[in-house]
């Protein structure tokens, strides 16, 4: 397997990359689940340090990203997807709102590397836990990343049934 740090640069998103991020979100999620351009822009402006991108060094374009908002809350509710104002920079937890990797960059371990980088960054900040929701067919992937499945969560985002999962990082 190639060294992902040689192929990709991992860093915070820039404001100029908002259109790319919104387009990737549309390609990675169904229309009822994808974050709108407006909500994506608000999220990035509110918490750019919680929006980790993988940039393909050959093209200079985003290959994928992982993003979230900080909070002291313990469960991921639908308002996190639409209201960046719930972000509390001092929050001890991070609600992960999207792990997106373009199809042509999948199968290389990029999703895992994004998660590892993100966990390391948030651990350094003293965060306690990362929380996410996912559909049934993604549960095993997140378990491989170290997340525990807590069963069906309260989120009904996009009319889906979501598993709530978390990982302790502190």
C-alpha atoms as a PDB file:
ATOM      1  CA  UNK A   1       0.000   0.000   0.000  1.00  0.00           C
ATOM      2  CA  UNK A   2       1.289   3.425  -0.918  1.00  0.00           C
ATOM      3  CA  UNK A   3       2.314   5.897   1.753  1.00  0.00           C
ATOM      4  CA  UNK A   4      -0.759   8.108   1.992  1.00  0.00           C
ATOM      5  CA  UNK A   5       1.243  11.077   3.310  1.00  0.00           C
ATOM      6  CA  UNK A   6       3.302  11.032   0.105  1.00  0.00           C
ATOM      7  CA  UNK A   7       0.174  11.085  -2.069  1.00  0.00           C
ATOM      8  CA  UNK A   8      -2.063  13.346   0.046  1.00  0.00           C
ATOM      9  CA  UNK A   9      -1.677  16.465   2.150  1.00  0.00           C
ATOM     10  CA  UNK A  10      -3.780  16.465   5.345  1.00  0.00           C
ATOM     11  CA  UNK A  11      -4.781  19.904   6.629  1.00  0.00           C
ATOM     12  CA  UNK A  12      -7.672  22.203   7.536  1.00  0.00           C
ATOM     13  CA  UNK A  13      -9.967  23.263   4.731  1.00  0.00           C
ATOM     14  CA  UNK A  14      -9.657  26.727   3.191  1.00  0.00           C
ATOM     15  CA  UNK A  15     -12.582  28.999   2.318  1.00  0.00           C
ATOM     16  CA  UNK A  16     -11.699  28.654  -1.375  1.00  0.00           C
ATOM     17  CA  UNK A  17     -12.344  24.907  -1.134  1.00  0.00           C
ATOM     18  CA  UNK A  18     -15.979  25.241  -0.010  1.00  0.00           C
ATOM     19  CA  UNK A  19     -17.341  24.576  -3.539  1.00  0.00           C
ATOM     20  CA  UNK A  20     -15.185  21.430  -3.869  1.00  0.00           C
ATOM     21  CA  UNK A  21     -16.337  20.148  -0.473  1.00  0.00           C
ATOM     22  CA  UNK A  22     -19.986  20.744  -1.326  1.00  0.00           C
ATOM     23  CA  UNK A  23     -19.593  18.919  -4.651  1.00  0.00           C
ATOM     24  CA  UNK A  24     -17.872  15.948  -2.981  1.00  0.00           C
ATOM     25  CA  UNK A  25     -20.679  15.771  -0.421  1.00  0.00           C
ATOM     26  CA  UNK A  26     -23.237  15.584  -3.269  1.00  0.00           C
ATOM     27  CA  UNK A  27     -21.253  12.752  -4.877  1.00  0.00           C
ATOM     28  CA  UNK A  28     -20.773  10.769  -1.651  1.00  0.00           C
ATOM     29  CA  UNK A  29     -24.257  11.006  -0.118  1.00  0.00           C
ATOM     30  CA  UNK A  30     -27.778  10.615  -1.449  1.00  0.00           C
ATOM     31  CA  UNK A  31     -29.722  13.880  -1.976  1.00  0.00           C
ATOM     32  CA  UNK A  32     -31.759  13.372   1.222  1.00  0.00           C
ATOM     33  CA  UNK A  33     -28.582  12.866   3.294  1.00  0.00           C
ATOM     34  CA  UNK A  34     -26.097  15.293   1.730  1.00  0.00           C
ATOM     35  CA  UNK A  35     -25.283  18.560   3.442  1.00  0.00           C
ATOM     36  CA  UNK A  36     -26.462  21.552   1.392  1.00  0.00           C
ATOM     37  CA  UNK A  37     -23.978  24.087   0.059  1.00  0.00           C
ATOM     38  CA  UNK A  38     -25.310  26.695   2.500  1.00  0.00           C
ATOM     39  CA  UNK A  39     -25.004  24.439   5.545  1.00  0.00           C
ATOM     40  CA  UNK A  40     -21.562  23.257   4.423  1.00  0.00           C
ATOM     41  CA  UNK A  41     -20.388  26.858   4.070  1.00  0.00           C
ATOM     42  CA  UNK A  42     -21.734  27.791   7.532  1.00  0.00           C
ATOM     43  CA  UNK A  43     -20.081  24.729   9.076  1.00  0.00           C
ATOM     44  CA  UNK A  44     -16.716  25.531   7.481  1.00  0.00           C
ATOM     45  CA  UNK A  45     -16.842  29.197   8.468  1.00  0.00           C
ATOM     46  CA  UNK A  46     -17.828  28.308  12.054  1.00  0.00           C
ATOM     47  CA  UNK A  47     -15.329  25.476  12.639  1.00  0.00           C
ATOM     48  CA  UNK A  48     -12.627  25.241   9.929  1.00  0.00           C
ATOM     49  CA  UNK A  49     -10.277  23.583  12.435  1.00  0.00           C
ATOM     50  CA  UNK A  50     -12.731  20.659  12.652  1.00  0.00           C
ATOM     51  CA  UNK A  51     -12.799  20.180   8.876  1.00  0.00           C
ATOM     52  CA  UNK A  52      -9.852  17.971   7.863  1.00  0.00           C
ATOM     53  CA  UNK A  53      -9.211  17.532   4.151  1.00  0.00           C
ATOM     54  CA  UNK A  54      -7.035  15.158   2.145  1.00  0.00           C
ATOM     55  CA  UNK A  55      -5.640  16.982  -0.879  1.00  0.00           C
ATOM     56  CA  UNK A  56      -4.351  14.933  -3.810  1.00  0.00           C
ATOM     57  CA  UNK A  57      -0.837  16.324  -4.288  1.00  0.00           C
ATOM     58  CA  UNK A  58      -0.880  15.511  -8.025  1.00  0.00           C
ATOM     59  CA  UNK A  59      -4.030  17.486  -8.818  1.00  0.00           C
ATOM     60  CA  UNK A  60      -4.229  19.937  -5.907  1.00  0.00           C
ATOM     61  CA  UNK A  61      -7.891  18.938  -5.516  1.00  0.00           C
ATOM     62  CA  UNK A  62      -9.721  17.513  -2.513  1.00  0.00           C
ATOM     63  CA  UNK A  63      -9.872  13.722  -2.498  1.00  0.00           C
ATOM     64  CA  UNK A  64     -11.898  13.521   0.701  1.00  0.00           C
ATOM     65  CA  UNK A  65     -12.579  15.011   4.087  1.00  0.00           C
ATOM     66  CA  UNK A  66     -13.856  14.447   7.618  1.00  0.00           C
ATOM     67  CA  UNK A  67     -15.732  17.167   9.459  1.00  0.00           C
ATOM     68  CA  UNK A  68     -17.587  17.828  12.671  1.00  0.00           C
ATOM     69  CA  UNK A  69     -18.685  20.299  15.312  1.00  0.00           C
ATOM     70  CA  UNK A  70     -17.623  20.415  18.974  1.00  0.00           C
ATOM     71  CA  UNK A  71     -20.136  20.202  21.811  1.00  0.00           C
ATOM     72  CA  UNK A  72     -20.634  19.035  25.368  1.00  0.00           C
ATOM     73  CA  UNK A  73     -23.698  17.064  24.269  1.00  0.00           C
ATOM     74  CA  UNK A  74     -23.547  13.261  24.307  1.00  0.00           C
ATOM     75  CA  UNK A  75     -25.837  12.347  21.382  1.00  0.00           C
ATOM     76  CA  UNK A  76     -25.868  13.390  17.743  1.00  0.00           C
ATOM     77  CA  UNK A  77     -29.175  15.065  16.922  1.00  0.00           C
ATOM     78  CA  UNK A  78     -30.342  16.358  13.555  1.00  0.00           C
ATOM     79  CA  UNK A  79     -29.725  20.024  14.412  1.00  0.00           C
ATOM     80  CA  UNK A  80     -25.963  19.448  14.102  1.00  0.00           C
ATOM     81  CA  UNK A  81     -26.438  18.875  10.360  1.00  0.00           C
ATOM     82  CA  UNK A  82     -28.251  22.158   9.737  1.00  0.00           C
ATOM     83  CA  UNK A  83     -27.211  24.618  12.468  1.00  0.00           C
ATOM     84  CA  UNK A  84     -23.495  25.405  12.827  1.00  0.00           C
ATOM     85  CA  UNK A  85     -24.420  27.668  15.757  1.00  0.00           C
ATOM     86  CA  UNK A  86     -24.591  24.556  17.987  1.00  0.00           C
ATOM     87  CA  UNK A  87     -20.778  24.438  17.705  1.00  0.00           C
ATOM     88  CA  UNK A  88     -19.035  25.076  21.029  1.00  0.00           C
ATOM     89  CA  UNK A  89     -15.267  25.440  20.419  1.00  0.00           C
ATOM     90  CA  UNK A  90     -14.620  24.420  24.034  1.00  0.00           C
ATOM     91  CA  UNK A  91     -16.826  21.314  23.839  1.00  0.00           C
ATOM     92  CA  UNK A  92     -15.323  18.065  25.064  1.00  0.00           C
ATOM     93  CA  UNK A  93     -16.942  15.960  22.315  1.00  0.00           C
ATOM     94  CA  UNK A  94     -17.005  16.199  18.534  1.00  0.00           C
ATOM     95  CA  UNK A  95     -20.039  15.232  16.491  1.00  0.00           C
ATOM     96  CA  UNK A  96     -18.655  13.857  13.222  1.00  0.00           C
ATOM     97  CA  UNK A  97     -20.952  14.976  10.413  1.00  0.00           C
ATOM     98  CA  UNK A  98     -19.379  13.475   7.338  1.00  0.00           C
ATOM     99  CA  UNK A  99     -16.585  11.220   6.154  1.00  0.00           C
ATOM    100  CA  UNK A 100     -16.410  11.713   2.393  1.00  0.00           C
ATOM    101  CA  UNK A 101     -13.925  10.056   0.026  1.00  0.00           C
ATOM    102  CA  UNK A 102     -14.327  10.332  -3.731  1.00  0.00           C
ATOM    103  CA  UNK A 103     -14.842   6.997  -5.485  1.00  0.00           C
ATOM    104  CA  UNK A 104     -11.557   7.226  -7.390  1.00  0.00           C
ATOM    105  CA  UNK A 105      -9.633   7.549  -4.108  1.00  0.00           C
ATOM    106  CA  UNK A 106     -11.346   4.693  -2.247  1.00  0.00           C
ATOM    107  CA  UNK A 107      -9.744   1.347  -1.445  1.00  0.00           C
ATOM    108  CA  UNK A 108      -6.418   2.930  -0.472  1.00  0.00           C
ATOM    109  CA  UNK A 109      -7.023   3.395   3.248  1.00  0.00           C
ATOM    110  CA  UNK A 110      -7.784   7.113   2.894  1.00  0.00           C
ATOM    111  CA  UNK A 111     -10.923   7.012   5.076  1.00  0.00           C
ATOM    112  CA  UNK A 112      -8.949   5.259   7.838  1.00  0.00           C
ATOM    113  CA  UNK A 113      -6.078   7.744   7.518  1.00  0.00           C
ATOM    114  CA  UNK A 114      -8.462  10.716   7.721  1.00  0.00           C
ATOM    115  CA  UNK A 115      -9.981   9.217  10.873  1.00  0.00           C
ATOM    116  CA  UNK A 116      -6.561   8.517  12.434  1.00  0.00           C
ATOM    117  CA  UNK A 117      -5.363  12.057  11.702  1.00  0.00           C
ATOM    118  CA  UNK A 118      -8.594  13.536  13.056  1.00  0.00           C
ATOM    119  CA  UNK A 119      -8.471  11.474  16.248  1.00  0.00           C
ATOM    120  CA  UNK A 120      -4.858  12.535  16.827  1.00  0.00           C
ATOM    121  CA  UNK A 121      -5.664  16.199  16.345  1.00  0.00           C
ATOM    122  CA  UNK A 122      -8.681  16.153  18.642  1.00  0.00           C
ATOM    123  CA  UNK A 123      -6.858  14.133  21.298  1.00  0.00           C
ATOM    124  CA  UNK A 124      -4.153  16.832  21.374  1.00  0.00           C
ATOM    125  CA  UNK A 125      -6.897  19.419  21.974  1.00  0.00           C
ATOM    126  CA  UNK A 126      -8.068  17.436  24.999  1.00  0.00           C
ATOM    127  CA  UNK A 127     -11.349  16.231  23.526  1.00  0.00           C
ATOM    128  CA  UNK A 128     -13.004  13.263  25.224  1.00  0.00           C
ATOM    129  CA  UNK A 129     -15.044  11.509  22.565  1.00  0.00           C
ATOM    130  CA  UNK A 130     -15.970  11.446  18.884  1.00  0.00           C
ATOM    131  CA  UNK A 131     -19.600  10.593  18.068  1.00  0.00           C
ATOM    132  CA  UNK A 132     -21.105   9.758  14.678  1.00  0.00           C
ATOM    133  CA  UNK A 133     -24.129   8.211  13.068  1.00  0.00           C
ATOM    134  CA  UNK A 134     -24.063   5.796  10.145  1.00  0.00           C
ATOM    135  CA  UNK A 135     -26.325   3.472   8.199  1.00  0.00           C
ATOM    136  CA  UNK A 136     -26.227  -0.308   8.749  1.00  0.00           C
ATOM    137  CA  UNK A 137     -23.728  -1.081   5.992  1.00  0.00           C
ATOM    138  CA  UNK A 138     -21.090   1.276   7.458  1.00  0.00           C
ATOM    139  CA  UNK A 139     -21.162  -0.057  11.052  1.00  0.00           C
ATOM    140  CA  UNK A 140     -18.446  -2.672  10.484  1.00  0.00           C
ATOM    141  CA  UNK A 141     -16.103  -0.122   8.876  1.00  0.00           C
ATOM    142  CA  UNK A 142     -16.407   2.199  11.873  1.00  0.00           C
ATOM    143  CA  UNK A 143     -15.929  -0.729  14.267  1.00  0.00           C
ATOM    144  CA  UNK A 144     -12.621  -1.423  12.475  1.00  0.00           C
ATOM    145  CA  UNK A 145     -11.680   2.209  13.190  1.00  0.00           C
ATOM    146  CA  UNK A 146     -12.302   1.564  16.918  1.00  0.00           C
ATOM    147  CA  UNK A 147     -15.839   2.923  17.304  1.00  0.00           C
ATOM    148  CA  UNK A 148     -18.416   1.196  19.527  1.00  0.00           C
ATOM    149  CA  UNK A 149     -21.948   0.718  18.175  1.00  0.00           C
ATOM    150  CA  UNK A 150     -24.648   1.932  20.581  1.00  0.00           C
ATOM    151  CA  UNK A 151     -27.553   0.789  18.426  1.00  0.00           C
ATOM    152  CA  UNK A 152     -30.113   2.979  16.710  1.00  0.00           C
ATOM    153  CA  UNK A 153     -29.652   6.656  17.576  1.00  0.00           C
ATOM    154  CA  UNK A 154     -32.103   9.528  17.837  1.00  0.00           C
ATOM    155  CA  UNK A 155     -31.160  11.089  14.477  1.00  0.00           C
ATOM    156  CA  UNK A 156     -33.632  10.665  11.653  1.00  0.00           C
ATOM    157  CA  UNK A 157     -31.650  12.819   9.225  1.00  0.00           C
ATOM    158  CA  UNK A 158     -32.713  12.298   5.619  1.00  0.00           C
ATOM    159  CA  UNK A 159     -35.440   9.882   6.667  1.00  0.00           C
ATOM    160  CA  UNK A 160     -32.863   7.182   7.437  1.00  0.00           C
ATOM    161  CA  UNK A 161     -32.318   4.893  10.412  1.00  0.00           C
ATOM    162  CA  UNK A 162     -28.898   5.649  11.920  1.00  0.00           C
ATOM    163  CA  UNK A 163     -26.636   3.753  14.280  1.00  0.00           C
ATOM    164  CA  UNK A 164     -24.976   6.007  16.835  1.00  0.00           C
ATOM    165  CA  UNK A 165     -21.332   5.155  17.405  1.00  0.00           C
ATOM    166  CA  UNK A 166     -18.537   6.668  19.481  1.00  0.00           C
ATOM    167  CA  UNK A 167     -14.882   6.332  20.330  1.00  0.00           C
ATOM    168  CA  UNK A 168     -13.218   7.530  23.519  1.00  0.00           C
ATOM    169  CA  UNK A 169     -10.017   9.433  22.728  1.00  0.00           C
ATOM    170  CA  UNK A 170      -9.086  10.804  26.139  1.00  0.00           C
END
